[in-house]
Structures are given as C-alpha cells and as structure tokens.
Amino acid sequence: MDTKEISKKTVLVVGRSKLPEGVAVKKTFDHFALVAIVDSTYGVIVKIDTTLATEVAREYLVELLLGCSLLNGEELEERINDFYFGGAKNSIIAAIKDLCRKFSQLQEK
C-alpha cells in the first residue's frame, strides 16, 4: 500500500483489554491487543494483528475479523462467541469493544 493511500483511506486503531490468569499469552503480555488498519469511511478491517500467543490462534482470529466493519460491533462479538473457544475469549471481546469505541470517537471528529 502506498503511504498516500494509507493516510487518505485508512486509520490504525488499537483495542486493548486485560488478560485472565492462566492463558499462555499472559506470560508475555499483561494486556491483549488488537491492532487494525481500518477503512476510515466504513470501518472495514483491511488488516489486523493480535497479541495471541500461538500463530494458529492469531491466524484464526485474523480470518474471523478481516473484512468486518467496526460499525457493527455486535457482529464481531457474535463471530467470537460462535467460533472462538480459547481462554482469552472475554479479553478478545473486550478489545473488540474498545476498538469499536475508539473508531466511533475518530468518526465524531
């Protein structure tokens, strides 16, 4: 992606949440994070990364969220509830809510 395209069409938004005790990623990070490049008009996630501990979990979560809109946080939460059954589930949902809230604040500016 060209830098000029990025600055005009997308924004980078980070959603964070606390991690529960006993999940693998807690050994590396105190908080869970979702880092998303998002279409600045429609909130569609065009690229996303996460601090989950295993590559398989990170890739699966990316596939679940890629192409979804932060304007529809309920759909994102539903996807996690329907398809993700790891120990960080509640942390992921909380980070999604934070991501959606921050994007909404950006749109209000």
Protein backbone atom coordinates (compact mmCIF):
# COMPACT_ATOMS: atom_id res chain seq x y z
CA MET A 1 0.00 0.00 0.00
CA ASP A 2 1.25 3.45 -0.90
CA THR A 3 1.71 5.84 2.05
CA LYS A 4 -0.52 8.46 0.40
CA GLU A 5 -3.33 5.89 0.01
CA ILE A 6 -2.97 4.79 3.61
CA SER A 7 -3.26 8.29 5.05
CA LYS A 8 -6.31 9.17 2.95
CA LYS A 9 -8.28 5.92 3.10
CA THR A 10 -7.37 4.15 6.33
CA VAL A 11 -6.64 4.65 10.00
CA LEU A 12 -4.81 2.48 12.51
CA VAL A 13 -6.85 1.70 15.62
CA VAL A 14 -5.77 -0.31 18.67
CA GLY A 15 -8.14 -2.10 21.03
CA ARG A 16 -6.85 -3.36 24.38
CA SER A 17 -8.12 -5.39 27.31
CA LYS A 18 -6.85 -7.18 30.40
CA LEU A 19 -5.96 -10.85 30.13
CA PRO A 20 -7.20 -13.51 32.54
CA GLU A 21 -4.73 -15.53 34.57
CA GLY A 22 -3.73 -18.88 33.10
CA VAL A 23 -3.70 -18.04 29.38
CA ALA A 24 -0.44 -18.60 27.50
CA VAL A 25 -0.11 -15.03 26.23
CA LYS A 26 -0.19 -13.70 29.85
CA LYS A 27 3.41 -14.90 30.21
CA THR A 28 4.45 -12.40 27.52
CA PHE A 29 1.91 -9.56 27.76
CA ASP A 30 -0.17 -8.04 30.55
CA HIS A 31 -2.84 -6.90 28.10
CA PHE A 32 -4.41 -8.31 24.97
CA ALA A 33 -4.30 -6.06 21.91
CA LEU A 34 -5.93 -5.94 18.51
CA VAL A 35 -4.14 -3.65 16.06
CA ALA A 36 -6.27 -2.92 13.00
CA ILE A 37 -5.90 -0.94 9.81
CA VAL A 38 -9.43 0.17 9.06
CA ASP A 39 -11.17 1.87 6.13
CA SER A 40 -11.74 5.35 7.51
CA THR A 41 -15.23 5.70 5.98
CA TYR A 42 -16.91 2.34 6.52
CA GLY A 43 -14.85 0.90 9.38
CA VAL A 44 -13.99 -2.25 7.44
CA ILE A 45 -10.95 -4.06 8.81
CA VAL A 46 -8.45 -4.34 5.95
CA LYS A 47 -5.56 -5.68 8.06
CA ILE A 48 -5.39 -6.83 11.67
CA ASP A 49 -2.91 -8.33 14.08
CA THR A 50 -3.19 -9.60 17.63
CA THR A 51 -1.04 -10.45 20.62
CA LEU A 52 -2.35 -14.02 20.96
CA ALA A 53 0.46 -16.43 21.84
CA THR A 54 0.24 -19.00 19.04
CA GLU A 55 0.42 -18.48 15.31
CA VAL A 56 -2.61 -20.71 14.75
CA ALA A 57 -4.75 -18.65 17.14
CA ARG A 58 -3.55 -15.35 15.65
CA GLU A 59 -4.27 -16.51 12.09
CA TYR A 60 -7.70 -17.85 13.03
CA LEU A 61 -8.69 -14.63 14.77
CA VAL A 62 -7.46 -12.57 11.81
CA GLU A 63 -9.62 -14.68 9.47
CA LEU A 64 -12.65 -14.20 11.75
CA LEU A 65 -12.34 -10.41 11.83
CA LEU A 66 -10.89 -9.46 8.44
CA GLY A 67 -13.44 -7.70 6.24
CA CYS A 68 -15.86 -6.97 9.10
CA SER A 69 -16.86 -3.42 9.99
CA LEU A 70 -16.19 -1.73 13.32
CA LEU A 71 -19.54 -0.03 12.79
CA ASN A 72 -21.14 -3.40 13.58
CA GLY A 73 -19.51 -4.43 16.84
CA GLU A 74 -22.31 -6.88 17.60
CA GLU A 75 -21.42 -8.95 14.51
CA LEU A 76 -17.77 -9.05 15.59
CA GLU A 77 -18.72 -10.20 19.10
CA GLU A 78 -21.09 -12.79 17.65
CA ARG A 79 -18.32 -14.21 15.47
CA ILE A 80 -16.07 -14.62 18.51
CA ASN A 81 -18.86 -16.20 20.57
CA ASP A 82 -19.75 -18.60 17.76
CA PHE A 83 -16.27 -19.67 16.64
CA TYR A 84 -13.59 -18.92 19.26
CA PHE A 85 -13.33 -21.17 22.31
CA GLY A 86 -9.95 -20.23 23.78
CA GLY A 87 -9.16 -18.89 27.24
CA ALA A 88 -8.79 -15.31 26.01
CA LYS A 89 -12.35 -15.13 24.59
CA ASN A 90 -13.62 -12.48 27.01
CA SER A 91 -10.43 -10.44 26.54
CA ILE A 92 -10.90 -10.56 22.77
CA ILE A 93 -14.50 -9.36 23.08
CA ALA A 94 -13.43 -6.54 25.42
CA ALA A 95 -10.69 -5.49 22.97
CA ILE A 96 -13.22 -5.52 20.10
CA LYS A 97 -15.50 -3.23 22.11
CA ASP A 98 -12.52 -0.92 22.76
CA LEU A 99 -11.60 -0.97 19.06
CA CYS A 100 -15.18 -0.09 18.05
CA ARG A 101 -15.38 2.66 20.67
CA LYS A 102 -12.12 4.25 19.50
CA PHE A 103 -13.18 4.10 15.85
CA SER A 104 -16.50 5.71 16.74
CA GLN A 105 -14.64 8.52 18.51
CA LEU A 106 -12.50 9.04 15.41
CA GLN A 107 -15.58 9.37 13.25
CA GLU A 108 -17.04 12.01 15.54
CA LYS A 109 -14.05 14.30 14.93
